[in-house]
Amino acid sequence: MKRITKLETPISFISSAAVGGYEEKRGPLGNKFDFCDPSDKFGQKTWEIAEGEMGRVALNTALTKAKLSHEDIGLLVAGDLQNQCVASSTGLHSFGIPFVGVYGACSTCTESLMTLSAFMSTSADLTLGAAVTTSHNAAAERQFRTPIEYGGQRAKTAQWTSTAAGAFILGRTHGAVEICEYMPGRIIDGATADGSNMGGAMAFAAADTIINYFNESGESASNIDYIVTGDLGKVGSDVLKEILIKELPGVERLHTDCGLLLYDFSEQDAHSGASGCGTSASVLASHFIPLLNEGKIKNILFMSTGALMSPSSLLQGENIFGTAPLIRLKSTIGEKE
């Protein structure tokens, strides 16, 4: 069975916005974010509500950039790391847009864009849609590990959950940056039950998607500028490259990881890198979409990588499964009509 779906109807990025916190502002991409709050609270009384506010600010910013109203948007696909997508519902309910919630761990950004593209490509009436993804360091620590006040020590393989959000407005039209195909990820056993090494666990899913994409599509690696993963971090990126060197020699040189781009390792203690579904969303919105918009790069394979686990599954000694959905983004700048 073929896994790649080519979009016959053009789906393009109308606008994007990135929102972050204190550490994100300090990072290499900090000046590319639309808004950062150094308190990480975004004017709210709890970290959980603050994450919802991040999504609201990001979507509002993307709408403003596109000179659109929330009433113009036919469908909102959003997700976060909180149980039952509470951050998305808390932050985005005031827009009143028909909603599809996505809870795919750190694969949420790509899953949301893939889902929205699929809806829009098959519905002539759905001309504008929005996708929002958020994560918050303190909210995630409280849900998945221990509250930050506890002061728990992290292993060297552990990553830093980003306080970040990305919002995207998609249109059913040709544009400077288009989603031309997508490929759902499979559920792959990460071969570890170590919750401090999620990057290593997700690397196998990323490798599975990349290998199957090139085998099925027959695409030449020379036509791709970057293969972008979501948050494998240092450990996961090393594992992925080892697999690719063996299975698809040369392709490993195209790889970059959002978890390695968000923070400055010489100045920030991110251990193995950034994690959290806001990582890939904010890096896509602040870094890769602008590069594609300017025609500086032409084609990327974008995969938000997800570690499918829960506090209970880890306590029970279950392995961490991973998934890595893929979308291909192309720049049409310079193309002849």
Foldseek 3Di string as FASTA:
>chain_A
DDFKDFQPFWKFFLAKAKEFEQQLLQFPLNVLHPYYHPVCQCPHDDNLQSQLQQQLVGAVVRCVSNVHALVLAAEEEEAFADPPRSSVCNNPVVSVHHYDYDHFWLQRQVVRVVVVSVVPSVDVVRFKHKYKYFYGQQVCCVFFNNGVVVVDDADLLAFGATGMMMMTMMGRHDDQKTFGMKGWWDKAFLPFLDPRHLLSSQLVRLLVVVLSVCVVVVDDLVQAQAAEEEASFQNNLVNNLVSCCVRPNPNNVRYDYLQVRSHDVVVDVGNRGYGTNRSLRNCCNRPVVVCSSVVVGFKYKYWRKRFPDGNVCSVVVHTTIMIIMIIMMGGCVPPDD
